[in-house]
All heavy atoms as atom14 arrays in JSON, in Angstrom:
{
  "sequence": "GDNAKHTVYLQMNSLKPEDTGVYYCSYSDSSGDYWGKGTLV",
  "atom14_mask": [
    [1, 1, 1, 1, 0, 0, 0, 0, 0, 0, 0, 0, 0, 0],
    [1, 1, 1, 1, 1, 1, 1, 1, 0, 0, 0, 0, 0, 0],
    [1, 1, 1, 1, 1, 1, 1, 1, 0, 0, 0, 0, 0, 0],
    [1, 1, 1, 1, 1, 0, 0, 0, 0, 0, 0, 0, 0, 0],
    [1, 1, 1, 1, 1, 1, 1, 1, 1, 0, 0, 0, 0, 0],
    [1, 1, 1, 1, 1, 1, 1, 1, 1, 1, 0, 0, 0, 0],
    [1, 1, 1, 1, 1, 1, 1, 0, 0, 0, 0, 0, 0, 0],
    [1, 1, 1, 1, 1, 1, 1, 0, 0, 0, 0, 0, 0, 0],
    [1, 1, 1, 1, 1, 1, 1, 1, 1, 1, 1, 1, 0, 0],
    [1, 1, 1, 1, 1, 1, 1, 1, 0, 0, 0, 0, 0, 0],
    [1, 1, 1, 1, 1, 1, 1, 1, 1, 0, 0, 0, 0, 0],
    [1, 1, 1, 1, 1, 1, 1, 1, 0, 0, 0, 0, 0, 0],
    [1, 1, 1, 1, 1, 1, 1, 1, 0, 0, 0, 0, 0, 0],
    [1, 1, 1, 1, 1, 1, 0, 0, 0, 0, 0, 0, 0, 0],
    [1, 1, 1, 1, 1, 1, 1, 1, 0, 0, 0, 0, 0, 0],
    [1, 1, 1, 1, 1, 1, 1, 1, 1, 0, 0, 0, 0, 0],
    [1, 1, 1, 1, 1, 1, 1, 0, 0, 0, 0, 0, 0, 0],
    [1, 1, 1, 1, 1, 1, 1, 1, 1, 0, 0, 0, 0, 0],
    [1, 1, 1, 1, 1, 1, 1, 1, 0, 0, 0, 0, 0, 0],
    [1, 1, 1, 1, 1, 1, 1, 0, 0, 0, 0, 0, 0, 0],
    [1, 1, 1, 1, 0, 0, 0, 0, 0, 0, 0, 0, 0, 0],
    [1, 1, 1, 1, 1, 1, 1, 0, 0, 0, 0, 0, 0, 0],
    [1, 1, 1, 1, 1, 1, 1, 1, 1, 1, 1, 1, 0, 0],
    [1, 1, 1, 1, 1, 1, 1, 1, 1, 1, 1, 1, 0, 0],
    [1, 1, 1, 1, 1, 1, 0, 0, 0, 0, 0, 0, 0, 0],
    [1, 1, 1, 1, 1, 1, 0, 0, 0, 0, 0, 0, 0, 0],
    [1, 1, 1, 1, 1, 1, 1, 1, 1, 1, 1, 1, 0, 0],
    [1, 1, 1, 1, 1, 1, 0, 0, 0, 0, 0, 0, 0, 0],
    [1, 1, 1, 1, 1, 1, 1, 1, 0, 0, 0, 0, 0, 0],
    [1, 1, 1, 1, 1, 1, 0, 0, 0, 0, 0, 0, 0, 0],
    [1, 1, 1, 1, 1, 1, 0, 0, 0, 0, 0, 0, 0, 0],
    [1, 1, 1, 1, 0, 0, 0, 0, 0, 0, 0, 0, 0, 0],
    [1, 1, 1, 1, 1, 1, 1, 1, 0, 0, 0, 0, 0, 0],
    [1, 1, 1, 1, 1, 1, 1, 1, 1, 1, 1, 1, 0, 0],
    [1, 1, 1, 1, 1, 1, 1, 1, 1, 1, 1, 1, 1, 1],
    [1, 1, 1, 1, 0, 0, 0, 0, 0, 0, 0, 0, 0, 0],
    [1, 1, 1, 1, 1, 1, 1, 1, 1, 0, 0, 0, 0, 0],
    [1, 1, 1, 1, 0, 0, 0, 0, 0, 0, 0, 0, 0, 0],
    [1, 1, 1, 1, 1, 1, 1, 0, 0, 0, 0, 0, 0, 0],
    [1, 1, 1, 1, 1, 1, 1, 1, 0, 0, 0, 0, 0, 0],
    [1, 1, 1, 1, 1, 1, 1, 0, 0, 0, 0, 0, 0, 0]
  ],
  "atom14_positions": [
    [[-19.83, 55.9, 2.45], [-18.56, 55.98, 3.15], [-18.27, 54.71, 3.85], [-19.13, 53.9, 4.26], [0.0, 0.0, 0.0], [0.0, 0.0, 0.0], [0.0, 0.0, 0.0], [0.0, 0.0, 0.0], [0.0, 0.0, 0.0], [0.0, 0.0, 0.0], [0.0, 0.0, 0.0], [0.0, 0.0, 0.0], [0.0, 0.0, 0.0], [0.0, 0.0, 0.0]],
    [[-16.96, 54.43, 3.99], [-16.4, 53.42, 4.75], [-15.62, 53.99, 5.87], [-14.36, 54.37, 5.63], [-15.61, 52.4, 3.9], [-15.09, 51.1, 4.64], [-14.88, 51.27, 5.84], [-14.98, 50.2, 4.02], [0.0, 0.0, 0.0], [0.0, 0.0, 0.0], [0.0, 0.0, 0.0], [0.0, 0.0, 0.0], [0.0, 0.0, 0.0], [0.0, 0.0, 0.0]],
    [[-16.14, 54.09, 7.01], [-15.46, 54.76, 8.14], [-14.17, 54.07, 8.54], [-13.17, 54.71, 8.86], [-16.38, 54.88, 9.41], [-17.42, 55.96, 9.17], [-17.3, 56.83, 8.28], [-18.54, 55.89, 9.95], [0.0, 0.0, 0.0], [0.0, 0.0, 0.0], [0.0, 0.0, 0.0], [0.0, 0.0, 0.0], [0.0, 0.0, 0.0], [0.0, 0.0, 0.0]],
    [[-14.21, 52.77, 8.46], [-13.0, 52.05, 8.9], [-11.79, 52.29, 8.01], [-10.69, 52.39, 8.35], [-13.28, 50.55, 8.89], [0.0, 0.0, 0.0], [0.0, 0.0, 0.0], [0.0, 0.0, 0.0], [0.0, 0.0, 0.0], [0.0, 0.0, 0.0], [0.0, 0.0, 0.0], [0.0, 0.0, 0.0], [0.0, 0.0, 0.0], [0.0, 0.0, 0.0]],
    [[-12.1, 52.59, 6.63], [-11.03, 52.75, 5.68], [-10.88, 54.36, 5.45], [-10.01, 54.75, 4.56], [-11.4, 52.08, 4.33], [-11.48, 50.56, 4.54], [-11.73, 49.89, 3.15], [-11.7, 48.41, 3.24], [-12.04, 47.81, 1.92], [0.0, 0.0, 0.0], [0.0, 0.0, 0.0], [0.0, 0.0, 0.0], [0.0, 0.0, 0.0], [0.0, 0.0, 0.0]],
    [[-11.72, 55.12, 6.04], [-11.71, 56.64, 5.84], [-11.74, 56.91, 4.32], [-11.02, 57.67, 3.8], [-10.38, 57.21, 6.33], [-10.15, 56.97, 7.8], [-11.1, 57.26, 8.83], [-9.1, 56.43, 8.51], [-10.64, 56.9, 10.04], [-9.48, 56.44, 9.83], [0.0, 0.0, 0.0], [0.0, 0.0, 0.0], [0.0, 0.0, 0.0], [0.0, 0.0, 0.0]],
    [[-12.75, 56.17, 3.71], [-12.93, 56.32, 2.27], [-14.31, 56.61, 1.88], [-15.23, 56.16, 2.56], [-12.52, 54.91, 1.53], [-11.05, 54.7, 1.87], [-12.74, 55.11, 0.05], [0.0, 0.0, 0.0], [0.0, 0.0, 0.0], [0.0, 0.0, 0.0], [0.0, 0.0, 0.0], [0.0, 0.0, 0.0], [0.0, 0.0, 0.0], [0.0, 0.0, 0.0]],
    [[-14.48, 57.58, 0.93], [-15.78, 57.86, 0.46], [-15.94, 57.53, -1.02], [-14.9, 57.6, -1.73], [-16.11, 59.4, 0.69], [-15.23, 60.25, -0.03], [-17.54, 59.71, 0.46], [0.0, 0.0, 0.0], [0.0, 0.0, 0.0], [0.0, 0.0, 0.0], [0.0, 0.0, 0.0], [0.0, 0.0, 0.0], [0.0, 0.0, 0.0], [0.0, 0.0, 0.0]],
    [[-17.07, 57.16, -1.46], [-17.3, 56.64, -2.78], [-18.47, 57.53, -3.4], [-19.41, 57.99, -2.65], [-17.71, 55.16, -2.82], [-16.71, 54.26, -2.15], [-17.05, 53.89, -0.81], [-15.63, 53.85, -2.72], [-16.1, 53.03, -0.15], [-14.72, 52.97, -2.05], [-14.99, 52.65, -0.84], [-14.09, 51.87, -0.09], [0.0, 0.0, 0.0], [0.0, 0.0, 0.0]],
    [[-18.4, 57.59, -4.67], [-19.45, 58.4, -5.46], [-19.81, 57.44, -6.66], [-19.01, 57.26, -7.52], [-19.09, 59.69, -5.85], [-20.22, 60.4, -6.52], [-21.29, 60.89, -5.6], [-19.62, 61.74, -7.24], [0.0, 0.0, 0.0], [0.0, 0.0, 0.0], [0.0, 0.0, 0.0], [0.0, 0.0, 0.0], [0.0, 0.0, 0.0], [0.0, 0.0, 0.0]],
    [[-20.91, 56.72, -6.57], [-21.3, 55.92, -7.67], [-22.23, 56.82, -8.5], [-23.29, 57.39, -8.13], [-22.29, 54.78, -7.09], [-22.92, 53.87, -8.14], [-21.86, 53.1, -8.94], [-20.85, 52.52, -8.37], [-21.96, 53.08, -10.22], [0.0, 0.0, 0.0], [0.0, 0.0, 0.0], [0.0, 0.0, 0.0], [0.0, 0.0, 0.0], [0.0, 0.0, 0.0]],
    [[-21.81, 56.86, -9.78], [-22.57, 57.82, -10.69], [-23.11, 56.89, -11.83], [-22.37, 56.32, -12.57], [-21.5, 58.76, -11.29], [-20.83, 59.52, -10.28], [-19.7, 60.89, -11.01], [-18.48, 59.88, -11.84], [0.0, 0.0, 0.0], [0.0, 0.0, 0.0], [0.0, 0.0, 0.0], [0.0, 0.0, 0.0], [0.0, 0.0, 0.0], [0.0, 0.0, 0.0]],
    [[-24.48, 56.93, -11.89], [-25.22, 56.19, -12.93], [-25.78, 57.13, -13.91], [-26.07, 58.29, -13.52], [-26.2, 55.27, -12.22], [-25.6, 54.24, -11.35], [-24.43, 53.73, -11.6], [-26.31, 53.82, -10.34], [0.0, 0.0, 0.0], [0.0, 0.0, 0.0], [0.0, 0.0, 0.0], [0.0, 0.0, 0.0], [0.0, 0.0, 0.0], [0.0, 0.0, 0.0]],
    [[-26.32, 56.63, -14.93], [-27.12, 57.46, -15.99], [-26.32, 58.78, -16.32], [-26.86, 59.85, -16.29], [-28.5, 57.78, -15.47], [-29.23, 56.52, -15.27], [0.0, 0.0, 0.0], [0.0, 0.0, 0.0], [0.0, 0.0, 0.0], [0.0, 0.0, 0.0], [0.0, 0.0, 0.0], [0.0, 0.0, 0.0], [0.0, 0.0, 0.0], [0.0, 0.0, 0.0]],
    [[-25.04, 58.65, -16.56], [-24.22, 59.88, -16.66], [-24.73, 60.63, -17.95], [-25.02, 60.08, -18.94], [-22.79, 59.52, -16.78], [-22.04, 59.27, -15.37], [-20.79, 58.47, -15.58], [-21.87, 60.53, -14.68], [0.0, 0.0, 0.0], [0.0, 0.0, 0.0], [0.0, 0.0, 0.0], [0.0, 0.0, 0.0], [0.0, 0.0, 0.0], [0.0, 0.0, 0.0]],
    [[-24.58, 61.97, -17.84], [-24.94, 62.8, -18.86], [-23.68, 63.67, -19.26], [-22.76, 63.91, -18.42], [-26.05, 63.88, -18.4], [-27.26, 63.17, -17.93], [-28.32, 64.22, -17.42], [-29.61, 63.59, -16.84], [-30.5, 64.43, -16.32], [0.0, 0.0, 0.0], [0.0, 0.0, 0.0], [0.0, 0.0, 0.0], [0.0, 0.0, 0.0], [0.0, 0.0, 0.0]],
    [[-23.72, 64.11, -20.46], [-22.52, 65.08, -20.9], [-22.32, 66.25, -20.0], [-21.13, 66.66, -19.77], [-22.88, 65.48, -22.38], [-23.72, 64.4, -22.91], [-24.6, 63.88, -21.6], [0.0, 0.0, 0.0], [0.0, 0.0, 0.0], [0.0, 0.0, 0.0], [0.0, 0.0, 0.0], [0.0, 0.0, 0.0], [0.0, 0.0, 0.0], [0.0, 0.0, 0.0]],
    [[-23.31, 66.75, -19.39], [-23.14, 67.84, -18.5], [-22.62, 67.5, -17.1], [-22.31, 68.38, -16.33], [-24.55, 68.6, -18.26], [-25.69, 67.68, -17.85], [-26.53, 67.31, -19.08], [-26.02, 67.02, -20.18], [-27.73, 67.35, -18.89], [0.0, 0.0, 0.0], [0.0, 0.0, 0.0], [0.0, 0.0, 0.0], [0.0, 0.0, 0.0], [0.0, 0.0, 0.0]],
    [[-22.39, 66.26, -16.91], [-21.71, 65.74, -15.78], [-20.15, 65.91, -15.88], [-19.38, 65.65, -14.97], [-22.09, 64.36, -15.35], [-23.52, 64.12, -15.02], [-23.99, 65.06, -14.27], [-24.11, 63.18, -15.36], [0.0, 0.0, 0.0], [0.0, 0.0, 0.0], [0.0, 0.0, 0.0], [0.0, 0.0, 0.0], [0.0, 0.0, 0.0], [0.0, 0.0, 0.0]],
    [[-19.67, 66.17, -17.08], [-18.3, 66.38, -17.31], [-17.57, 67.33, -16.54], [-18.2, 68.37, -16.42], [-18.0, 66.57, -18.82], [-18.48, 65.44, -19.64], [-16.56, 66.92, -19.18], [0.0, 0.0, 0.0], [0.0, 0.0, 0.0], [0.0, 0.0, 0.0], [0.0, 0.0, 0.0], [0.0, 0.0, 0.0], [0.0, 0.0, 0.0], [0.0, 0.0, 0.0]],
    [[-16.45, 66.93, -16.04], [-15.67, 68.02, -15.2], [-14.63, 67.28, -14.39], [-14.57, 66.15, -14.38], [0.0, 0.0, 0.0], [0.0, 0.0, 0.0], [0.0, 0.0, 0.0], [0.0, 0.0, 0.0], [0.0, 0.0, 0.0], [0.0, 0.0, 0.0], [0.0, 0.0, 0.0], [0.0, 0.0, 0.0], [0.0, 0.0, 0.0], [0.0, 0.0, 0.0]],
    [[-13.94, 68.07, -13.65], [-13.04, 67.55, -12.65], [-13.69, 67.43, -11.33], [-14.29, 68.43, -10.88], [-11.7, 68.49, -12.52], [-10.84, 67.93, -11.44], [-11.02, 68.64, -13.83], [0.0, 0.0, 0.0], [0.0, 0.0, 0.0], [0.0, 0.0, 0.0], [0.0, 0.0, 0.0], [0.0, 0.0, 0.0], [0.0, 0.0, 0.0], [0.0, 0.0, 0.0]],
    [[-13.7, 66.24, -10.77], [-14.35, 66.02, -9.59], [-13.24, 66.1, -8.36], [-12.24, 65.29, -8.44], [-15.03, 64.63, -9.64], [-16.28, 64.58, -10.38], [-16.34, 64.84, -11.87], [-17.59, 64.49, -9.82], [-17.43, 65.03, -12.5], [-18.72, 64.49, -10.45], [-18.66, 64.79, -11.82], [-19.89, 64.86, -12.51], [0.0, 0.0, 0.0], [0.0, 0.0, 0.0]],
    [[-13.58, 66.75, -7.35], [-12.71, 66.95, -6.28], [-13.4, 66.44, -5.04], [-14.54, 66.67, -4.62], [-12.48, 68.5, -5.97], [-11.71, 69.21, -7.14], [-12.46, 69.8, -8.15], [-10.34, 69.18, -7.07], [-11.72, 70.44, -9.17], [-9.64, 69.88, -8.2], [-10.41, 70.46, -9.15], [-9.68, 71.08, -10.22], [0.0, 0.0, 0.0], [0.0, 0.0, 0.0]],
    [[-12.56, 65.65, -4.3], [-13.02, 65.15, -3.05], [-12.6, 66.19, -1.9], [-11.58, 66.96, -1.92], [-12.18, 63.86, -2.64], [-12.48, 63.1, -1.07], [0.0, 0.0, 0.0], [0.0, 0.0, 0.0], [0.0, 0.0, 0.0], [0.0, 0.0, 0.0], [0.0, 0.0, 0.0], [0.0, 0.0, 0.0], [0.0, 0.0, 0.0], [0.0, 0.0, 0.0]],
    [[-13.43, 66.29, -0.98], [-13.31, 67.34, 0.05], [-13.45, 66.64, 1.5], [-14.22, 65.61, 1.6], [-14.37, 68.42, 0.06], [-15.62, 67.92, 0.23], [0.0, 0.0, 0.0], [0.0, 0.0, 0.0], [0.0, 0.0, 0.0], [0.0, 0.0, 0.0], [0.0, 0.0, 0.0], [0.0, 0.0, 0.0], [0.0, 0.0, 0.0], [0.0, 0.0, 0.0]],
    [[-12.83, 67.23, 2.55], [-12.85, 66.67, 3.89], [-12.93, 67.84, 4.77], [-12.15, 68.79, 4.61], [-11.64, 65.76, 4.23], [-11.6, 65.42, 5.7], [-12.11, 64.24, 6.13], [-11.02, 66.35, 6.59], [-12.03, 64.02, 7.57], [-11.0, 65.94, 7.98], [-11.47, 64.73, 8.46], [-11.37, 64.45, 9.65], [0.0, 0.0, 0.0], [0.0, 0.0, 0.0]],
    [[-13.9, 67.89, 5.64], [-14.02, 69.07, 6.6], [-14.22, 68.51, 7.94], [-15.04, 67.53, 8.24], [-15.19, 69.91, 6.19], [-15.06, 70.47, 4.89], [0.0, 0.0, 0.0], [0.0, 0.0, 0.0], [0.0, 0.0, 0.0], [0.0, 0.0, 0.0], [0.0, 0.0, 0.0], [0.0, 0.0, 0.0], [0.0, 0.0, 0.0], [0.0, 0.0, 0.0]],
    [[-13.54, 69.12, 9.01], [-13.83, 68.89, 10.37], [-13.53, 70.12, 11.14], [-13.28, 71.24, 10.54], [-13.02, 67.65, 10.93], [-11.54, 67.8, 10.78], [-11.0, 68.94, 10.78], [-10.84, 66.81, 10.8], [0.0, 0.0, 0.0], [0.0, 0.0, 0.0], [0.0, 0.0, 0.0], [0.0, 0.0, 0.0], [0.0, 0.0, 0.0], [0.0, 0.0, 0.0]],
    [[-13.48, 70.11, 12.4], [-13.34, 71.27, 13.16], [-11.9, 72.0, 13.01], [-11.73, 73.16, 13.28], [-13.4, 70.9, 14.72], [-12.49, 69.9, 15.14], [0.0, 0.0, 0.0], [0.0, 0.0, 0.0], [0.0, 0.0, 0.0], [0.0, 0.0, 0.0], [0.0, 0.0, 0.0], [0.0, 0.0, 0.0], [0.0, 0.0, 0.0], [0.0, 0.0, 0.0]],
    [[-11.06, 71.22, 12.41], [-9.67, 71.74, 12.14], [-9.5, 72.5, 10.81], [-8.58, 73.29, 10.56], [-8.6, 70.71, 12.12], [-8.67, 69.77, 11.03], [0.0, 0.0, 0.0], [0.0, 0.0, 0.0], [0.0, 0.0, 0.0], [0.0, 0.0, 0.0], [0.0, 0.0, 0.0], [0.0, 0.0, 0.0], [0.0, 0.0, 0.0], [0.0, 0.0, 0.0]],
    [[-10.48, 72.26, 9.91], [-10.35, 72.95, 8.66], [-10.88, 72.11, 7.54], [-11.63, 71.06, 7.7], [0.0, 0.0, 0.0], [0.0, 0.0, 0.0], [0.0, 0.0, 0.0], [0.0, 0.0, 0.0], [0.0, 0.0, 0.0], [0.0, 0.0, 0.0], [0.0, 0.0, 0.0], [0.0, 0.0, 0.0], [0.0, 0.0, 0.0], [0.0, 0.0, 0.0]],
    [[-10.71, 72.62, 6.31], [-11.15, 72.06, 5.07], [-10.0, 71.56, 4.25], [-9.08, 72.27, 4.05], [-12.05, 73.06, 4.31], [-13.26, 73.52, 5.07], [-13.82, 72.78, 5.83], [-13.48, 74.8, 4.81], [0.0, 0.0, 0.0], [0.0, 0.0, 0.0], [0.0, 0.0, 0.0], [0.0, 0.0, 0.0], [0.0, 0.0, 0.0], [0.0, 0.0, 0.0]],
    [[-10.09, 70.49, 3.56], [-9.09, 69.88, 2.74], [-9.59, 69.36, 1.38], [-10.77, 69.09, 1.37], [-8.44, 68.73, 3.52], [-7.96, 69.13, 4.88], [-8.64, 69.03, 6.02], [-6.55, 69.44, 4.95], [-8.24, 69.41, 7.26], [-6.02, 69.92, 6.27], [-6.88, 69.85, 7.35], [-6.27, 70.2, 8.61], [0.0, 0.0, 0.0], [0.0, 0.0, 0.0]],
    [[-8.77, 69.37, 0.35], [-9.23, 69.06, -0.94], [-8.18, 68.08, -1.59], [-6.99, 68.14, -1.33], [-9.28, 70.28, -1.84], [-10.27, 71.33, -1.36], [-10.14, 72.38, -0.4], [-11.61, 71.25, -1.77], [-11.39, 73.0, -0.39], [-12.36, 72.39, -1.17], [-12.4, 70.43, -2.72], [-13.68, 72.61, -1.33], [-13.76, 70.73, -2.87], [-14.33, 71.85, -2.23]],
    [[-8.81, 67.24, -2.45], [-7.87, 66.45, -3.26], [-7.52, 67.07, -4.5], [-7.89, 68.24, -4.67], [0.0, 0.0, 0.0], [0.0, 0.0, 0.0], [0.0, 0.0, 0.0], [0.0, 0.0, 0.0], [0.0, 0.0, 0.0], [0.0, 0.0, 0.0], [0.0, 0.0, 0.0], [0.0, 0.0, 0.0], [0.0, 0.0, 0.0], [0.0, 0.0, 0.0]],
    [[-6.62, 66.53, -5.25], [-6.23, 67.15, -6.6], [-7.2, 67.01, -7.62], [-7.12, 67.65, -8.68], [-4.89, 66.48, -6.86], [-3.79, 66.89, -5.89], [-2.37, 66.23, -6.34], [-1.26, 66.57, -5.45], [0.01, 66.09, -5.84], [0.0, 0.0, 0.0], [0.0, 0.0, 0.0], [0.0, 0.0, 0.0], [0.0, 0.0, 0.0], [0.0, 0.0, 0.0]],
    [[-8.2, 66.12, -7.58], [-9.21, 66.05, -8.64], [-9.0, 64.85, -9.42], [-7.84, 64.39, -9.68], [0.0, 0.0, 0.0], [0.0, 0.0, 0.0], [0.0, 0.0, 0.0], [0.0, 0.0, 0.0], [0.0, 0.0, 0.0], [0.0, 0.0, 0.0], [0.0, 0.0, 0.0], [0.0, 0.0, 0.0], [0.0, 0.0, 0.0], [0.0, 0.0, 0.0]],
    [[-10.05, 64.31, -10.08], [-10.05, 63.31, -11.02], [-10.99, 63.76, -12.05], [-12.15, 64.14, -11.82], [-10.26, 62.02, -10.41], [-10.25, 60.9, -11.46], [-11.81, 61.97, -9.86], [0.0, 0.0, 0.0], [0.0, 0.0, 0.0], [0.0, 0.0, 0.0], [0.0, 0.0, 0.0], [0.0, 0.0, 0.0], [0.0, 0.0, 0.0], [0.0, 0.0, 0.0]],
    [[-10.6, 63.52, -13.38], [-11.36, 64.04, -14.5], [-12.4, 63.04, -14.9], [-12.13, 61.74, -15.08], [-10.44, 64.4, -15.72], [-11.1, 64.69, -17.03], [-11.86, 66.13, -16.74], [-10.08, 64.98, -18.06], [0.0, 0.0, 0.0], [0.0, 0.0, 0.0], [0.0, 0.0, 0.0], [0.0, 0.0, 0.0], [0.0, 0.0, 0.0], [0.0, 0.0, 0.0]],
    [[-13.54, 63.38, -15.11], [-14.76, 62.71, -15.71], [-15.11, 63.34, -16.88], [-15.54, 64.48, -16.97], [-15.89, 62.65, -14.63], [-17.1, 61.89, -15.22], [-15.47, 61.68, -13.37], [0.0, 0.0, 0.0], [0.0, 0.0, 0.0], [0.0, 0.0, 0.0], [0.0, 0.0, 0.0], [0.0, 0.0, 0.0], [0.0, 0.0, 0.0], [0.0, 0.0, 0.0]]
  ]
}
């Protein structure tokens, strides 16, 4: 994560066919849970 940019990264190496799917970003704090719209891998 980069706190200054409020950005989180996921580096995915050695990918396998079973890693296929829609990847959703999530954010949680005391006010609740939030989701992104997803990105297809």
